[in-house]
Amino acid sequence: MKLYYTAIDLPTGVAFAAATEKGLVRLTLRMPPLAEFLDEIEVQFGAPVVEDDKPFRLLRRELKDYFAGRPVAFTTPLDLRGTEFQMAVWRALLTVPYGEVRSYRWLADAVGRSHAARAVGGAVGRNRVGIIVPCHRIIESSGGLGGYGWGLDVKRRLLEIEGALQ
């Protein structure tokens, strides 16, 4: 298996992306130290990571459009890895339209686990492909933002870009 990575300058800060030949496996929205990022990827996939920008050209264009405020239906190929439950949650996240939000309860219902909002929240928190798999669009039933692994300031910014905050 070949693994690639690059750094991407975003308005929210420098991000790192990693991909296999099949697609994107990681997009961080807050830059950890490079060595930490590479170690995590290499341990997860059992292969060395090579710096190469070519696999990320489409991602860069789509993120540029996104941060310019243009609605984007991301077409960057994904290579998501997780449990069957996590994959179901992430697939449901991909159905939440640009500019809209849904609650954790809605997401739990969408994956057929209406009484498992906490477990759904855990799966949302394990999403490693921020923005593309739009976990930022999931909020509390009360309307509060809830949590966000890359910080509530980033979540708020993403939702503002999409016009999803009133």
N, C-alpha and C. Protein backbone atom coordinates (compact mmCIF):
# COMPACT_ATOMS: atom_id res chain seq x y z
N MET A 1 0.84 -1.18 0.00
CA MET A 1 0.00 0.00 0.00
C MET A 1 0.89 1.24 0.00
N LYS A 2 0.52 2.21 -0.81
CA LYS A 2 1.23 3.48 -0.84
C LYS A 2 0.42 4.52 -0.09
N LEU A 3 1.12 5.32 0.72
CA LEU A 3 0.50 6.39 1.49
C LEU A 3 1.18 7.70 1.13
N TYR A 4 0.36 8.74 0.99
CA TYR A 4 0.87 10.05 0.62
C TYR A 4 0.37 11.09 1.62
N TYR A 5 1.11 12.18 1.76
CA TYR A 5 0.64 13.28 2.60
C TYR A 5 1.07 14.61 2.00
N THR A 6 0.38 15.65 2.45
CA THR A 6 0.72 17.01 2.07
C THR A 6 0.22 17.95 3.16
N ALA A 7 0.74 19.16 3.15
CA ALA A 7 0.25 20.23 4.01
C ALA A 7 -0.59 21.17 3.14
N ILE A 8 -1.68 21.67 3.70
CA ILE A 8 -2.58 22.55 2.96
C ILE A 8 -2.86 23.78 3.82
N ASP A 9 -2.62 24.95 3.26
CA ASP A 9 -2.95 26.19 3.96
C ASP A 9 -4.44 26.46 3.82
N LEU A 10 -5.13 26.53 4.94
CA LEU A 10 -6.55 26.84 4.97
C LEU A 10 -6.77 28.10 5.80
N PRO A 11 -7.87 28.79 5.60
CA PRO A 11 -8.16 29.95 6.45
C PRO A 11 -8.25 29.61 7.94
N THR A 12 -8.49 28.35 8.27
CA THR A 12 -8.55 27.92 9.67
C THR A 12 -7.18 27.50 10.19
N GLY A 13 -6.15 27.58 9.35
CA GLY A 13 -4.80 27.19 9.72
C GLY A 13 -4.27 26.12 8.78
N VAL A 14 -3.02 25.76 8.99
CA VAL A 14 -2.41 24.72 8.16
C VAL A 14 -3.01 23.37 8.54
N ALA A 15 -3.34 22.58 7.53
CA ALA A 15 -3.90 21.25 7.74
C ALA A 15 -3.00 20.23 7.06
N PHE A 16 -3.07 19.01 7.52
CA PHE A 16 -2.38 17.90 6.86
C PHE A 16 -3.43 16.97 6.26
N ALA A 17 -3.11 16.44 5.09
CA ALA A 17 -3.97 15.45 4.44
C ALA A 17 -3.14 14.21 4.16
N ALA A 18 -3.78 13.05 4.24
CA ALA A 18 -3.13 11.78 3.90
C ALA A 18 -4.09 10.98 3.04
N ALA A 19 -3.51 10.22 2.11
CA ALA A 19 -4.33 9.43 1.20
C ALA A 19 -3.62 8.14 0.82
N THR A 20 -4.42 7.14 0.50
CA THR A 20 -3.93 5.93 -0.13
C THR A 20 -4.17 6.10 -1.62
N GLU A 21 -3.86 5.08 -2.39
CA GLU A 21 -4.16 5.12 -3.83
C GLU A 21 -5.66 5.18 -4.07
N LYS A 22 -6.46 4.70 -3.11
CA LYS A 22 -7.92 4.69 -3.26
C LYS A 22 -8.56 6.03 -2.94
N GLY A 23 -7.98 6.77 -1.99
CA GLY A 23 -8.58 8.05 -1.64
C GLY A 23 -8.10 8.60 -0.31
N LEU A 24 -8.70 9.69 0.06
CA LEU A 24 -8.35 10.44 1.26
C LEU A 24 -8.66 9.63 2.52
N VAL A 25 -7.70 9.55 3.42
CA VAL A 25 -7.91 8.84 4.69
C VAL A 25 -7.86 9.80 5.89
N ARG A 26 -7.30 10.99 5.68
CA ARG A 26 -7.17 11.91 6.80
C ARG A 26 -7.13 13.34 6.29
N LEU A 27 -7.85 14.22 6.97
CA LEU A 27 -7.73 15.66 6.77
C LEU A 27 -7.86 16.29 8.14
N THR A 28 -6.75 16.76 8.66
CA THR A 28 -6.76 17.42 9.96
C THR A 28 -7.07 18.89 9.75
N LEU A 29 -7.76 19.48 10.66
CA LEU A 29 -8.08 20.90 10.54
C LEU A 29 -7.29 21.75 11.51
N ARG A 30 -6.56 21.14 12.36
CA ARG A 30 -5.60 21.80 13.23
C ARG A 30 -4.32 21.00 13.14
N MET A 31 -3.27 21.63 12.76
CA MET A 31 -2.04 20.93 12.46
C MET A 31 -1.36 20.41 13.72
N PRO A 32 -1.27 19.08 13.86
CA PRO A 32 -0.44 18.53 14.92
C PRO A 32 1.01 18.63 14.45
N PRO A 33 1.98 18.36 15.31
CA PRO A 33 3.36 18.29 14.81
C PRO A 33 3.45 17.26 13.69
N LEU A 34 4.22 17.56 12.66
CA LEU A 34 4.32 16.68 11.50
C LEU A 34 4.72 15.27 11.90
N ALA A 35 5.70 15.13 12.77
CA ALA A 35 6.16 13.79 13.17
C ALA A 35 5.02 13.00 13.81
N GLU A 36 4.20 13.66 14.61
CA GLU A 36 3.05 13.00 15.27
C GLU A 36 2.04 12.54 14.22
N PHE A 37 1.75 13.39 13.26
CA PHE A 37 0.81 13.07 12.19
C PHE A 37 1.31 11.87 11.39
N LEU A 38 2.57 11.91 10.97
CA LEU A 38 3.13 10.83 10.17
C LEU A 38 3.19 9.52 10.96
N ASP A 39 3.58 9.59 12.22
CA ASP A 39 3.63 8.37 13.06
C ASP A 39 2.25 7.74 13.16
N GLU A 40 1.23 8.56 13.39
CA GLU A 40 -0.13 8.04 13.53
C GLU A 40 -0.58 7.34 12.25
N ILE A 41 -0.31 7.95 11.10
CA ILE A 41 -0.69 7.36 9.82
C ILE A 41 0.07 6.06 9.58
N GLU A 42 1.38 6.08 9.82
CA GLU A 42 2.20 4.89 9.58
C GLU A 42 1.79 3.74 10.49
N VAL A 43 1.47 4.03 11.74
CA VAL A 43 1.02 2.99 12.66
C VAL A 43 -0.33 2.43 12.21
N GLN A 44 -1.25 3.30 11.86
CA GLN A 44 -2.58 2.85 11.44
C GLN A 44 -2.53 1.98 10.20
N PHE A 45 -1.70 2.35 9.24
CA PHE A 45 -1.69 1.64 7.96
C PHE A 45 -0.52 0.69 7.77
N GLY A 46 0.45 0.72 8.67
CA GLY A 46 1.59 -0.19 8.60
C GLY A 46 2.46 0.02 7.37
N ALA A 47 2.55 1.27 6.93
CA ALA A 47 3.37 1.58 5.75
C ALA A 47 3.93 2.99 5.90
N PRO A 48 5.06 3.27 5.28
CA PRO A 48 5.62 4.63 5.35
C PRO A 48 4.79 5.61 4.51
N VAL A 49 4.84 6.87 4.89
CA VAL A 49 4.11 7.92 4.21
C VAL A 49 5.10 8.77 3.42
N VAL A 50 4.75 9.07 2.18
CA VAL A 50 5.61 9.84 1.30
C VAL A 50 4.95 11.18 1.00
N GLU A 51 5.72 12.25 1.07
CA GLU A 51 5.17 13.56 0.73
C GLU A 51 5.01 13.66 -0.78
N ASP A 52 3.79 13.97 -1.21
CA ASP A 52 3.48 14.09 -2.64
C ASP A 52 2.18 14.87 -2.76
N ASP A 53 2.20 15.96 -3.46
CA ASP A 53 1.02 16.81 -3.57
C ASP A 53 0.04 16.33 -4.64
N LYS A 54 0.48 15.53 -5.58
CA LYS A 54 -0.38 15.13 -6.71
C LYS A 54 -1.71 14.51 -6.29
N PRO A 55 -1.73 13.59 -5.31
CA PRO A 55 -3.03 12.99 -4.96
C PRO A 55 -4.04 13.96 -4.34
N PHE A 56 -3.61 15.20 -4.08
CA PHE A 56 -4.45 16.14 -3.36
C PHE A 56 -4.89 17.35 -4.20
N ARG A 57 -4.64 17.30 -5.49
CA ARG A 57 -4.97 18.45 -6.35
C ARG A 57 -6.47 18.75 -6.35
N LEU A 58 -7.30 17.72 -6.52
CA LEU A 58 -8.75 17.93 -6.49
C LEU A 58 -9.19 18.44 -5.12
N LEU A 59 -8.67 17.85 -4.07
CA LEU A 59 -9.00 18.29 -2.71
C LEU A 59 -8.68 19.76 -2.52
N ARG A 60 -7.51 20.19 -2.97
CA ARG A 60 -7.13 21.61 -2.85
C ARG A 60 -8.13 22.52 -3.57
N ARG A 61 -8.52 22.15 -4.80
CA ARG A 61 -9.48 22.97 -5.55
C ARG A 61 -10.83 23.03 -4.83
N GLU A 62 -11.28 21.88 -4.35
CA GLU A 62 -12.58 21.85 -3.67
C GLU A 62 -12.54 22.64 -2.37
N LEU A 63 -11.46 22.54 -1.61
CA LEU A 63 -11.35 23.31 -0.37
C LEU A 63 -11.25 24.80 -0.65
N LYS A 64 -10.56 25.18 -1.71
CA LYS A 64 -10.48 26.60 -2.09
C LYS A 64 -11.88 27.15 -2.38
N ASP A 65 -12.67 26.40 -3.14
CA ASP A 65 -14.05 26.81 -3.42
C ASP A 65 -14.87 26.87 -2.14
N TYR A 66 -14.72 25.85 -1.30
CA TYR A 66 -15.47 25.80 -0.04
C TYR A 66 -15.20 27.04 0.81
N PHE A 67 -13.92 27.36 1.01
CA PHE A 67 -13.58 28.49 1.87
C PHE A 67 -13.88 29.84 1.21
N ALA A 68 -14.11 29.82 -0.11
CA ALA A 68 -14.55 31.03 -0.80
C ALA A 68 -16.06 31.22 -0.66
N GLY A 69 -16.73 30.28 0.02
CA GLY A 69 -18.16 30.39 0.26
C GLY A 69 -19.02 29.80 -0.84
N ARG A 70 -18.40 29.07 -1.76
CA ARG A 70 -19.18 28.43 -2.82
C ARG A 70 -19.62 27.05 -2.35
N PRO A 71 -20.91 26.72 -2.47
CA PRO A 71 -21.36 25.38 -2.07
C PRO A 71 -20.61 24.32 -2.87
N VAL A 72 -20.08 23.36 -2.15
CA VAL A 72 -19.28 22.31 -2.78
C VAL A 72 -19.89 20.95 -2.45
N ALA A 73 -20.10 20.16 -3.47
CA ALA A 73 -20.42 18.74 -3.29
C ALA A 73 -19.08 18.03 -3.55
N PHE A 74 -18.38 17.71 -2.48
CA PHE A 74 -17.04 17.16 -2.60
C PHE A 74 -17.04 15.86 -3.41
N THR A 75 -16.09 15.78 -4.34
CA THR A 75 -15.93 14.59 -5.15
C THR A 75 -14.57 13.94 -4.94
N THR A 76 -13.79 14.48 -4.01
CA THR A 76 -12.51 13.87 -3.66
C THR A 76 -12.77 12.44 -3.22
N PRO A 77 -12.10 11.47 -3.84
CA PRO A 77 -12.31 10.07 -3.43
C PRO A 77 -11.89 9.86 -1.97
N LEU A 78 -12.65 9.03 -1.29
CA LEU A 78 -12.38 8.72 0.12
C LEU A 78 -12.01 7.25 0.27
N ASP A 79 -11.18 6.98 1.25
CA ASP A 79 -10.83 5.60 1.64
C ASP A 79 -11.04 5.53 3.15
N LEU A 80 -12.31 5.56 3.56
CA LEU A 80 -12.66 5.58 4.97
C LEU A 80 -12.43 4.21 5.59
N ARG A 81 -11.91 4.21 6.81
CA ARG A 81 -11.64 2.98 7.55
C ARG A 81 -12.24 3.09 8.93
N GLY A 82 -13.06 2.12 9.30
CA GLY A 82 -13.64 2.12 10.63
C GLY A 82 -14.48 0.88 10.82
N THR A 83 -15.15 0.81 11.96
CA THR A 83 -16.04 -0.30 12.23
C THR A 83 -17.27 -0.16 11.35
N GLU A 84 -18.06 -1.21 11.28
CA GLU A 84 -19.29 -1.17 10.49
C GLU A 84 -20.20 -0.03 10.99
N PHE A 85 -20.30 0.12 12.31
CA PHE A 85 -21.12 1.18 12.89
C PHE A 85 -20.58 2.56 12.53
N GLN A 86 -19.27 2.76 12.67
CA GLN A 86 -18.68 4.05 12.31
C GLN A 86 -18.91 4.37 10.83
N MET A 87 -18.73 3.37 9.99
CA MET A 87 -18.93 3.59 8.55
C MET A 87 -20.38 4.00 8.27
N ALA A 88 -21.33 3.39 8.96
CA ALA A 88 -22.74 3.74 8.78
C ALA A 88 -22.98 5.20 9.19
N VAL A 89 -22.38 5.61 10.30
CA VAL A 89 -22.53 6.99 10.77
C VAL A 89 -21.90 7.94 9.76
N TRP A 90 -20.71 7.63 9.27
CA TRP A 90 -20.03 8.51 8.32
C TRP A 90 -20.79 8.60 7.00
N ARG A 91 -21.37 7.48 6.55
CA ARG A 91 -22.18 7.53 5.33
C ARG A 91 -23.39 8.43 5.54
N ALA A 92 -24.00 8.35 6.72
CA ALA A 92 -25.16 9.21 7.01
C ALA A 92 -24.73 10.68 7.06
N LEU A 93 -23.54 10.96 7.59
CA LEU A 93 -23.04 12.34 7.61
C LEU A 93 -22.94 12.91 6.19
N LEU A 94 -22.55 12.06 5.27
CA LEU A 94 -22.39 12.50 3.88
C LEU A 94 -23.71 12.92 3.23
N THR A 95 -24.84 12.57 3.87
CA THR A 95 -26.15 12.95 3.31
C THR A 95 -26.64 14.30 3.83
N VAL A 96 -25.95 14.87 4.80
CA VAL A 96 -26.38 16.16 5.35
C VAL A 96 -25.95 17.25 4.36
N PRO A 97 -26.91 17.96 3.78
CA PRO A 97 -26.57 18.93 2.73
C PRO A 97 -25.76 20.12 3.23
N TYR A 98 -24.99 20.67 2.34
CA TYR A 98 -24.25 21.91 2.57
C TYR A 98 -25.23 22.97 3.08
N GLY A 99 -24.82 23.69 4.11
CA GLY A 99 -25.64 24.78 4.62
C GLY A 99 -26.74 24.36 5.57
N GLU A 100 -26.81 23.08 5.90
CA GLU A 100 -27.83 22.60 6.83
C GLU A 100 -27.17 21.89 8.00
N VAL A 101 -27.88 21.82 9.09
CA VAL A 101 -27.39 21.08 10.26
C VAL A 101 -28.43 20.03 10.64
N ARG A 102 -27.97 19.03 11.34
CA ARG A 102 -28.82 17.98 11.89
C ARG A 102 -28.37 17.72 13.32
N SER A 103 -29.23 17.09 14.08
CA SER A 103 -28.90 16.79 15.48
C SER A 103 -28.30 15.38 15.59
N TYR A 104 -27.65 15.15 16.71
CA TYR A 104 -27.14 13.81 17.01
C TYR A 104 -28.30 12.82 17.02
N ARG A 105 -29.45 13.24 17.53
CA ARG A 105 -30.63 12.36 17.56
C ARG A 105 -31.06 12.00 16.14
N TRP A 106 -31.07 12.99 15.24
CA TRP A 106 -31.40 12.72 13.84
C TRP A 106 -30.43 11.68 13.26
N LEU A 107 -29.16 11.88 13.56
CA LEU A 107 -28.14 10.98 13.03
C LEU A 107 -28.33 9.56 13.58
N ALA A 108 -28.64 9.46 14.87
CA ALA A 108 -28.90 8.15 15.47
C ALA A 108 -30.09 7.47 14.78
N ASP A 109 -31.14 8.23 14.53
CA ASP A 109 -32.30 7.68 13.81
C ASP A 109 -31.90 7.26 12.39
N ALA A 110 -31.07 8.06 11.74
CA ALA A 110 -30.67 7.78 10.36
C ALA A 110 -29.89 6.47 10.22
N VAL A 111 -29.20 6.07 11.29
CA VAL A 111 -28.44 4.81 11.23
C VAL A 111 -29.18 3.68 11.94
N GLY A 112 -30.45 3.92 12.29
CA GLY A 112 -31.26 2.88 12.90
C GLY A 112 -30.91 2.58 14.34
N ARG A 113 -30.33 3.54 15.03
CA ARG A 113 -29.94 3.36 16.44
C ARG A 113 -30.47 4.53 17.26
N SER A 114 -31.78 4.70 17.25
CA SER A 114 -32.40 5.88 17.84
C SER A 114 -32.08 6.09 19.32
N HIS A 115 -31.73 5.04 20.02
CA HIS A 115 -31.42 5.20 21.45
C HIS A 115 -29.92 5.22 21.71
N ALA A 116 -29.14 5.44 20.66
CA ALA A 116 -27.68 5.38 20.79
C ALA A 116 -27.01 6.69 20.39
N ALA A 117 -27.61 7.81 20.79
CA ALA A 117 -27.05 9.11 20.41
C ALA A 117 -25.61 9.28 20.90
N ARG A 118 -25.30 8.76 22.08
CA ARG A 118 -23.92 8.88 22.59
C ARG A 118 -22.94 8.07 21.75
N ALA A 119 -23.34 6.86 21.39
CA ALA A 119 -22.47 6.04 20.54
C ALA A 119 -22.28 6.70 19.18
N VAL A 120 -23.35 7.29 18.67
CA VAL A 120 -23.26 8.02 17.40
C VAL A 120 -22.30 9.19 17.56
N GLY A 121 -22.41 9.90 18.66
CA GLY A 121 -21.48 11.01 18.93
C GLY A 121 -20.05 10.54 18.96
N GLY A 122 -19.81 9.36 19.52
CA GLY A 122 -18.46 8.79 19.54
C GLY A 122 -17.96 8.51 18.13
N ALA A 123 -18.83 7.98 17.29
CA ALA A 123 -18.44 7.70 15.90
C ALA A 123 -18.19 9.01 15.14
N VAL A 124 -18.99 10.01 15.39
CA VAL A 124 -18.78 11.31 14.77
C VAL A 124 -17.40 11.84 15.16
N GLY A 125 -17.07 11.70 16.44
CA GLY A 125 -15.79 12.18 16.94
C GLY A 125 -14.59 11.42 16.38
N ARG A 126 -14.82 10.25 15.83
CA ARG A 126 -13.72 9.47 15.25
C ARG A 126 -13.55 9.71 13.74
N ASN A 127 -14.38 10.58 13.19
CA ASN A 127 -14.23 10.95 11.79
C ASN A 127 -12.87 11.62 11.61
N ARG A 128 -12.09 11.14 10.67
CA ARG A 128 -10.75 11.67 10.45
C ARG A 128 -10.65 12.47 9.15
N VAL A 129 -11.79 12.74 8.54
CA VAL A 129 -11.78 13.47 7.27
C VAL A 129 -12.71 14.68 7.42
N GLY A 130 -12.24 15.64 8.24
CA GLY A 130 -13.04 16.83 8.50
C GLY A 130 -13.42 17.56 7.22
N ILE A 131 -14.49 18.27 7.28
CA ILE A 131 -15.12 19.04 6.19
C ILE A 131 -15.70 18.10 5.13
N ILE A 132 -14.90 17.19 4.59
CA ILE A 132 -15.36 16.32 3.50
C ILE A 132 -16.47 15.41 4.02
N VAL A 133 -16.24 14.76 5.14
CA VAL A 133 -17.29 14.03 5.85
C VAL A 133 -17.76 15.04 6.91
N PRO A 134 -18.89 15.70 6.67
CA PRO A 134 -19.24 16.93 7.38
C PRO A 134 -19.76 16.76 8.81
N CYS A 135 -18.91 16.29 9.68
CA CYS A 135 -19.31 16.13 11.08
C CYS A 135 -19.60 17.47 11.74
N HIS A 136 -19.09 18.56 11.18
CA HIS A 136 -19.37 19.89 11.73
C HIS A 136 -20.84 20.27 11.60
N ARG A 137 -21.59 19.57 10.77
CA ARG A 137 -23.00 19.86 10.56
C ARG A 137 -23.91 19.19 11.58
N ILE A 138 -23.33 18.48 12.52
CA ILE A 138 -24.12 17.82 13.56
C ILE A 138 -24.04 18.66 14.84
N ILE A 139 -25.22 19.02 15.33
CA ILE A 139 -25.30 19.86 16.52
C ILE A 139 -26.23 19.21 17.55
N GLU A 140 -26.30 19.80 18.72
CA GLU A 140 -27.19 19.30 19.76
C GLU A 140 -28.65 19.58 19.40
N SER A 141 -29.55 18.76 19.91
CA SER A 141 -30.99 18.97 19.67
C SER A 141 -31.45 20.32 20.17
N SER A 142 -30.79 20.84 21.20
CA SER A 142 -31.14 22.13 21.76
C SER A 142 -30.70 23.30 20.88
N GLY A 143 -29.90 23.00 19.86
CA GLY A 143 -29.38 24.06 18.99
C GLY A 143 -27.96 24.45 19.33
N GLY A 144 -27.43 23.95 20.45
CA GLY A 144 -26.04 24.23 20.80
C GLY A 144 -25.10 23.52 19.83
N LEU A 145 -23.90 24.04 19.71
CA LEU A 145 -22.96 23.45 18.75
C LEU A 145 -22.49 22.06 19.13
N GLY A 146 -22.48 21.74 20.41
CA GLY A 146 -21.95 20.44 20.82
C GLY A 146 -20.43 20.48 20.79
N GLY A 147 -19.81 19.36 20.58
CA GLY A 147 -18.35 19.32 20.55
C GLY A 147 -17.81 19.33 19.13
N TYR A 148 -16.48 19.43 19.06
CA TYR A 148 -15.80 19.35 17.77
C TYR A 148 -14.32 19.13 18.04
N GLY A 149 -13.80 18.08 17.49
CA GLY A 149 -12.42 17.69 17.77
C GLY A 149 -11.38 18.73 17.39
N TRP A 150 -11.70 19.58 16.44
CA TRP A 150 -10.74 20.60 16.03
C TRP A 150 -11.07 21.96 16.63
N GLY A 151 -11.97 21.99 17.60
CA GLY A 151 -12.29 23.23 18.31
C GLY A 151 -13.60 23.84 17.84
N LEU A 152 -14.35 24.36 18.79
CA LEU A 152 -15.64 24.96 18.46
C LEU A 152 -15.50 26.20 17.59
N ASP A 153 -14.36 26.91 17.69
CA ASP A 153 -14.16 28.07 16.83
C ASP A 153 -14.10 27.64 15.37
N VAL A 154 -13.48 26.50 15.09
CA VAL A 154 -13.42 26.00 13.71
C VAL A 154 -14.80 25.55 13.27
N LYS A 155 -15.51 24.83 14.13
CA LYS A 155 -16.87 24.38 13.78
C LYS A 155 -17.76 25.57 13.46
N ARG A 156 -17.71 26.58 14.31
CA ARG A 156 -18.52 27.79 14.10
C ARG A 156 -18.15 28.44 12.76
N ARG A 157 -16.86 28.52 12.47
CA ARG A 157 -16.41 29.14 11.21
C ARG A 157 -16.93 28.36 10.01
N LEU A 158 -16.86 27.04 10.05
CA LEU A 158 -17.35 26.22 8.93
C LEU A 158 -18.84 26.41 8.73
N LEU A 159 -19.59 26.43 9.82
CA LEU A 159 -21.03 26.62 9.71
C LEU A 159 -21.38 28.02 9.23
N GLU A 160 -20.59 29.01 9.61
CA GLU A 160 -20.80 30.38 9.12
C GLU A 160 -20.53 30.45 7.62
N ILE A 161 -19.47 29.80 7.15
CA ILE A 161 -19.16 29.77 5.72
C ILE A 161 -20.35 29.22 4.95
N GLU A 162 -20.98 28.19 5.49
CA GLU A 162 -22.10 27.54 4.82
C GLU A 162 -23.42 28.26 5.03
N GLY A 163 -23.43 29.29 5.88
CA GLY A 163 -24.68 30.01 6.15
C GLY A 163 -25.63 29.20 7.00
N ALA A 164 -25.10 28.26 7.78
CA ALA A 164 -25.95 27.37 8.58
C ALA A 164 -26.22 27.90 9.97
N LEU A 165 -25.57 28.96 10.39
CA LEU A 165 -25.83 29.54 11.70
C LEU A 165 -26.77 30.72 11.55
N GLN A 166 -27.77 30.79 12.39
CA GLN A 166 -28.75 31.88 12.33
C GLN A 166 -28.28 33.03 13.20
